[in-house]
Protein backbone atom coordinates (compact mmCIF):
# COMPACT_ATOMS: atom_id res chain seq x y z
CA MET A 1 6.13 19.16 17.74
CA VAL A 2 8.34 20.31 20.76
CA GLN A 3 12.49 19.35 20.08
CA TYR A 4 13.50 16.75 21.64
CA TYR A 5 16.84 16.86 21.86
CA HIS A 6 17.50 20.98 22.24
CA GLN A 7 18.92 21.55 18.86
CA GLY A 8 20.21 18.35 18.05
CA LYS A 9 23.72 19.04 18.11
CA GLU A 10 23.33 21.28 20.83
CA CYS A 11 22.93 18.65 23.25
CA CYS A 12 25.80 16.34 22.55
CA LYS A 13 28.31 19.02 24.50
CA MET A 14 26.64 17.16 27.92
CA ILE A 15 29.49 16.21 30.50
CA TYR A 16 29.70 12.23 31.33
CA ASN A 17 31.65 11.32 33.68
CA ALA A 18 31.48 7.88 36.25
CA SER A 19 29.46 8.85 38.87
CA ALA A 20 27.09 9.53 35.78
CA ARG A 21 27.31 6.47 34.07
CA LYS A 22 27.23 4.32 37.77
CA GLN A 23 23.79 6.25 38.61
CA TYR A 24 22.23 5.23 35.22
CA LYS A 25 22.97 1.60 35.70
CA ALA A 26 21.37 1.82 39.73
CA GLN A 27 18.48 3.18 37.96
CA ALA A 28 18.52 0.29 35.74
CA ARG A 29 18.98 -2.04 38.33
CA GLU A 30 15.50 -0.26 39.98
CA ASP A 31 13.99 -0.56 37.51
CA ILE A 32 14.34 -4.19 36.98
CA ARG A 33 13.63 -4.71 40.65
CA ALA A 34 10.24 -2.71 40.21
CA ARG A 35 8.65 -4.82 37.62
CA PHE A 36 11.60 -8.62 37.73
CA TRP A 37 9.26 -10.73 36.48
CA PRO A 38 7.81 -8.92 33.96
CA THR A 39 11.24 -8.46 31.86
CA MET A 40 12.32 -11.93 32.94
CA LEU A 41 9.39 -12.52 30.87
CA THR A 42 10.20 -10.32 28.23
CA VAL A 43 13.67 -10.19 27.79
CA VAL A 44 12.48 -14.66 27.29
CA LEU A 45 9.99 -14.15 24.91
CA GLU A 46 12.40 -12.20 22.93
CA VAL A 47 15.56 -14.87 23.41
CA VAL A 48 13.47 -18.09 23.08
CA PRO A 49 12.81 -17.60 19.33
CA VAL A 50 16.29 -16.81 18.85
CA VAL A 51 17.61 -19.43 20.44
CA LEU A 52 14.80 -21.59 18.11
CA ILE A 53 16.04 -20.00 14.90
CA SER A 54 20.05 -20.94 15.50
CA MET A 55 19.79 -24.27 15.76
CA ILE A 56 18.19 -24.43 12.46
CA TYR A 57 21.84 -23.03 11.59
CA GLU A 58 23.38 -25.10 13.62
CA VAL A 59 21.70 -27.69 11.35
CA GLY A 60 23.23 -26.56 8.63
CA THR A 61 26.95 -26.32 9.31
CA GLN A 62 26.81 -29.67 10.73
CA ALA A 63 25.70 -30.94 6.90
CA ILE A 64 28.93 -30.46 5.82
CA SER A 65 31.44 -30.65 8.72
CA GLY A 66 31.26 -33.94 7.48
CA ASP A 67 31.49 -35.49 4.04
CA ILE A 68 30.66 -32.96 1.30
CA ASN A 69 28.24 -33.70 -1.27
CA SER A 70 26.03 -33.01 -3.10
CA ALA A 71 22.73 -34.00 -0.46
CA ASN A 72 24.65 -32.11 1.92
CA MET A 73 25.23 -28.74 0.22
CA GLY A 74 21.35 -29.03 -0.14
CA LEU A 75 20.72 -28.89 3.07
CA TYR A 76 23.06 -26.09 3.63
CA PHE A 77 21.72 -24.21 1.79
CA ASN A 78 18.58 -24.85 2.72
CA CYS A 79 18.55 -24.43 5.88
CA MET A 80 21.01 -20.85 5.47
CA LEU A 81 18.09 -19.51 3.65
CA ILE A 82 15.68 -20.41 6.24
CA TYR A 83 17.95 -19.61 8.82
CA LEU A 84 17.52 -16.08 7.26
CA LEU A 85 14.73 -15.72 6.39
CA ALA A 86 13.50 -16.99 10.08
CA THR A 87 16.16 -14.02 11.29
CA VAL A 88 14.08 -11.40 9.34
CA LEU A 89 10.78 -11.74 9.71
CA ILE A 90 10.76 -13.44 12.65
CA ALA A 91 14.10 -12.39 15.27
CA VAL A 92 13.96 -8.60 14.25
CA PRO A 93 10.65 -8.21 14.82
CA LEU A 94 10.87 -9.59 17.52
CA GLU A 95 13.69 -7.49 19.29
CA PHE A 96 12.14 -4.45 18.05
CA GLY A 97 8.95 -5.04 19.74
CA ALA A 98 11.51 -6.20 23.25
CA LYS A 99 13.05 -2.87 22.75
CA HIS A 100 10.26 -0.49 22.63
CA TYR A 101 9.74 -2.63 26.05
CA PHE A 102 12.76 -1.42 27.90
CA VAL A 103 12.29 1.87 26.94
CA ALA A 104 9.37 2.46 28.78
CA GLN A 105 10.50 0.39 31.34
CA ALA A 106 13.84 2.85 31.82
CA ARG A 107 11.02 6.05 31.29
CA GLY A 108 8.62 4.64 34.18
CA GLN A 109 5.65 3.94 31.55
CA GLU A 110 3.07 1.15 31.73
CA ALA A 111 4.43 -1.42 29.92
CA SER A 112 3.67 -5.44 29.26
CA PRO A 113 6.05 -7.88 27.53
CA MET A 114 3.28 -8.61 25.36
CA LEU A 115 5.46 -5.52 23.30
CA VAL A 116 7.70 -8.23 22.49
CA VAL A 117 4.81 -9.21 19.51
CA SER A 118 3.36 -5.78 19.27
CA CYS A 119 5.58 -6.05 15.86
CA PHE A 120 3.10 -8.40 14.87
CA MET A 121 0.06 -6.96 15.98
CA SER A 122 1.06 -3.97 13.51
CA GLY A 123 1.64 -4.39 9.72
CA LYS A 124 3.46 -0.53 9.74
CA LYS A 125 5.41 -1.50 13.16
CA TYR A 126 6.81 -4.76 11.23
CA LEU A 127 7.87 -3.21 7.96
CA THR A 128 9.50 -0.54 10.63
CA SER A 129 11.65 -3.03 12.29
CA ILE A 130 13.12 -5.09 9.29
CA LYS A 131 14.13 -1.74 7.18
CA LEU A 132 15.18 -0.20 10.52
CA ALA A 133 17.41 -3.45 11.29
CA LEU A 134 18.50 -3.23 7.12
CA GLY A 135 19.18 0.01 7.66
CA ILE A 136 21.45 -0.56 10.55
CA LEU A 137 22.96 -3.00 8.63
CA LEU A 138 24.07 -1.61 5.88
CA TYR A 139 25.06 1.67 7.41
CA SER A 140 27.10 -0.72 9.30
CA LEU A 141 28.58 -2.69 6.87
CA GLY A 142 30.77 0.16 5.67
CA TRP A 143 32.78 0.03 8.93
CA VAL A 144 32.75 -4.38 9.49
CA VAL A 145 34.06 -2.97 5.18
CA LEU A 146 37.15 -0.65 6.62
CA LEU A 147 38.29 -3.30 9.07
CA SER A 148 37.86 -5.75 6.40
CA VAL A 149 40.44 -4.13 4.42
CA ALA A 150 42.55 -3.29 7.14
CA ILE A 151 42.95 -7.40 7.87
CA VAL A 152 43.57 -7.92 4.70
CA LEU A 153 46.18 -6.15 4.68
CA ILE A 154 48.17 -7.01 7.40
CA ALA A 155 47.56 -10.33 5.88
CA LEU A 156 49.52 -9.70 3.26
CA PHE A 157 52.08 -7.66 4.87
CA ALA A 158 52.29 -11.14 6.11
CA LEU A 159 53.36 -13.21 3.13
CA ILE A 160 55.56 -9.78 2.20
CA GLY A 161 57.51 -10.73 5.30
CA SER A 162 57.39 -7.63 5.81
CA ALA A 163 57.77 -8.11 10.23
CA PRO A 164 57.68 -4.41 10.99
CA LEU A 165 54.71 -3.59 9.00
CA VAL A 166 52.82 -6.38 10.54
CA MET A 167 53.65 -5.34 13.79
CA ILE A 168 52.63 -2.03 13.38
CA GLY A 169 49.48 -2.71 11.84
CA VAL A 170 48.54 -5.28 14.42
CA VAL A 171 49.31 -2.32 16.80
CA LEU A 172 47.12 -0.69 14.84
CA LEU A 173 44.21 -2.88 14.53
CA ILE A 174 43.12 -2.88 18.32
CA PRO A 175 41.98 0.58 18.42
CA LEU A 176 40.63 0.29 15.14
CA SER A 177 38.57 -2.73 15.97
CA MET A 178 37.09 -0.40 18.98
CA LEU A 179 36.51 2.50 17.46
CA ILE A 180 34.49 0.38 14.34
CA THR A 181 32.42 -0.93 17.61
CA VAL A 182 31.04 1.96 18.82
CA LYS A 183 30.52 3.43 15.58
CA VAL A 184 28.16 0.25 14.85
CA ARG A 185 27.10 0.54 18.73
CA ARG A 186 25.73 3.71 18.73
CA TYR A 187 23.26 3.01 15.45
CA ASP A 188 21.33 1.12 18.70
CA GLY A 189 20.13 4.17 19.34
CA ALA A 190 17.78 4.65 16.29
CA TYR A 191 15.31 2.07 17.75
CA ILE A 192 14.86 4.71 20.53
CA CYS A 193 14.56 7.75 17.89
CA MET A 194 11.96 5.19 15.84
CA ILE A 195 10.22 4.18 19.10
CA ASP A 196 9.57 8.06 19.97
CA THR A 197 8.93 8.71 16.06
CA PRO A 198 6.99 6.26 14.78
CA ASP A 199 6.03 8.19 11.51
CA ALA A 200 9.90 9.27 11.41
CA SER A 201 12.08 7.75 8.01
CA VAL A 202 14.20 5.14 9.10
CA MET A 203 17.64 6.63 7.89
CA GLN A 204 16.24 9.76 9.44
CA ALA A 205 16.42 7.54 12.65
CA ILE A 206 19.63 6.32 12.12
CA ARG A 207 21.38 9.41 10.82
CA SER A 208 19.84 10.91 14.17
CA CYS A 209 22.92 8.81 15.86
CA ALA A 210 25.82 10.44 14.72
CA PRO A 211 24.88 14.14 15.89
CA ILE A 212 24.11 12.27 19.16
CA PHE A 213 27.10 10.17 19.90
CA LYS A 214 29.62 13.30 19.02
CA ASN A 215 32.62 13.84 20.90
CA HIS A 216 30.78 10.94 23.20
CA ASN A 217 32.52 7.87 21.56
CA TRP A 218 34.79 6.85 24.41
CA GLU A 219 32.45 7.66 26.87
CA LEU A 220 29.90 4.95 25.34
CA MET A 221 32.95 2.26 24.53
CA VAL A 222 33.66 2.86 28.76
CA PHE A 223 29.34 2.53 29.06
CA ASP A 224 29.89 -0.65 27.43
CA LEU A 225 32.92 -2.37 28.96
CA SER A 226 31.32 -1.14 32.65
CA PHE A 227 29.09 -4.82 31.80
CA ILE A 228 31.87 -6.93 31.46
CA LEU A 229 31.90 -8.61 34.63
CA TRP A 230 28.68 -8.93 34.16
CA LEU A 231 28.92 -10.54 31.03
CA LEU A 232 31.45 -12.85 32.77
CA PHE A 233 28.44 -13.47 35.62
CA GLY A 234 26.11 -14.71 32.68
CA ALA A 235 28.44 -16.95 30.73
CA VAL A 236 29.27 -19.17 33.74
CA THR A 237 25.47 -19.20 34.98
CA CYS A 238 25.61 -21.35 31.68
CA GLY A 239 22.91 -18.43 29.58
CA ILE A 240 21.02 -18.07 33.14
CA GLY A 241 22.40 -14.81 33.91
CA MET A 242 22.17 -13.31 30.96
CA ILE A 243 18.28 -13.00 31.44
CA TYR A 244 18.17 -10.47 33.48
CA VAL A 245 22.28 -8.93 32.10
CA ASP A 246 20.09 -8.12 28.69
CA ALA A 247 17.61 -6.33 30.77
CA TYR A 248 20.12 -4.41 32.33
CA THR A 249 22.42 -3.52 29.14
CA GLU A 250 18.50 -3.02 27.25
CA ILE A 251 17.28 0.22 30.56
CA ALA A 252 20.69 1.43 31.64
CA PHE A 253 21.28 1.91 27.69
CA VAL A 254 17.49 3.96 27.36
CA HIS A 255 18.89 6.19 30.83
CA TYR A 256 22.20 6.71 28.77
CA PHE A 257 21.18 8.10 25.32
CA ASP A 258 18.26 9.87 26.85
CA ALA A 259 20.64 11.84 29.00
CA LEU A 260 22.31 12.71 26.06
CA CYS A 261 19.58 13.56 23.95
CA GLY A 262 18.21 16.06 27.26
CA ARG A 263 15.30 14.22 27.75
CA THR A 264 12.81 15.21 30.32
CA ALA A 265 10.91 12.80 32.14
CA GLN A 266 7.88 13.08 29.79
CA PRO A 267 8.63 15.09 26.96
CA ASN A 268 6.64 15.89 23.60
CA PRO A 269 8.55 13.38 20.67
CA PRO A 270 11.58 14.32 18.98
CA ASP A 271 12.14 16.72 15.88
CA LEU A 272 14.69 14.18 13.78
CA SER A 273 14.52 16.12 11.30
CA GLN A 274 16.54 19.15 13.35
CA LEU A 275 19.51 16.42 13.33
CA THR A 276 19.39 16.18 9.54
CA GLU A 277 18.85 19.09 8.12
């Protein structure tokens, strides 16, 4: 198999700058303009079921917002169970299917909005989507635990009345939170790795993200922060604008990820084993 990542760690020496970031975002906007309505439909097909599933969560939380009794607690736990199952069995495969569309769109390949439901048409892809999401969650929990420990320590400092330690903890918590957010965010690259090499293991796809984003954590954070105004646009439009923003951020991330990997226009699939040895 032709090496797609150019010996893995070597590709991570690429220099990334503001002009490159603007170029990737411009490419994403052009990709959306080329197939605007199919792209918007793709996002809708992914988001609508997720919104409906979230309503189950709302029903559960409302059940215990008033009187807490055995009936309300039973309703709450039932709703939470249904919500978790629906998220894993429905929302997760839809997300993986949508990412297939965004990757194809960014690379100028033929793509149909029906890719959103493609995981439900293949048992292997369906199981892969769930295993990949759970694997990313497992890896992310390690960083989340670290952040939780830091918050607990700050709370303890506050209880013992040590104002200087609290201030130091709060100051350190900000960069720590930013670092952890970036560390978790880079795992989104595992979806692209898995799409490119469907026969690779889920753990290979997830572990490959570390060398790809090595020395690029700050760049990734700046890349995400550059979409703040677009996210505000989505908020002020009551979420309707988020249909466009979601596609925009996803496709731009594919362009960024491919650039870090030194990907050519029509490469052979990557050899993830080169990144995990």
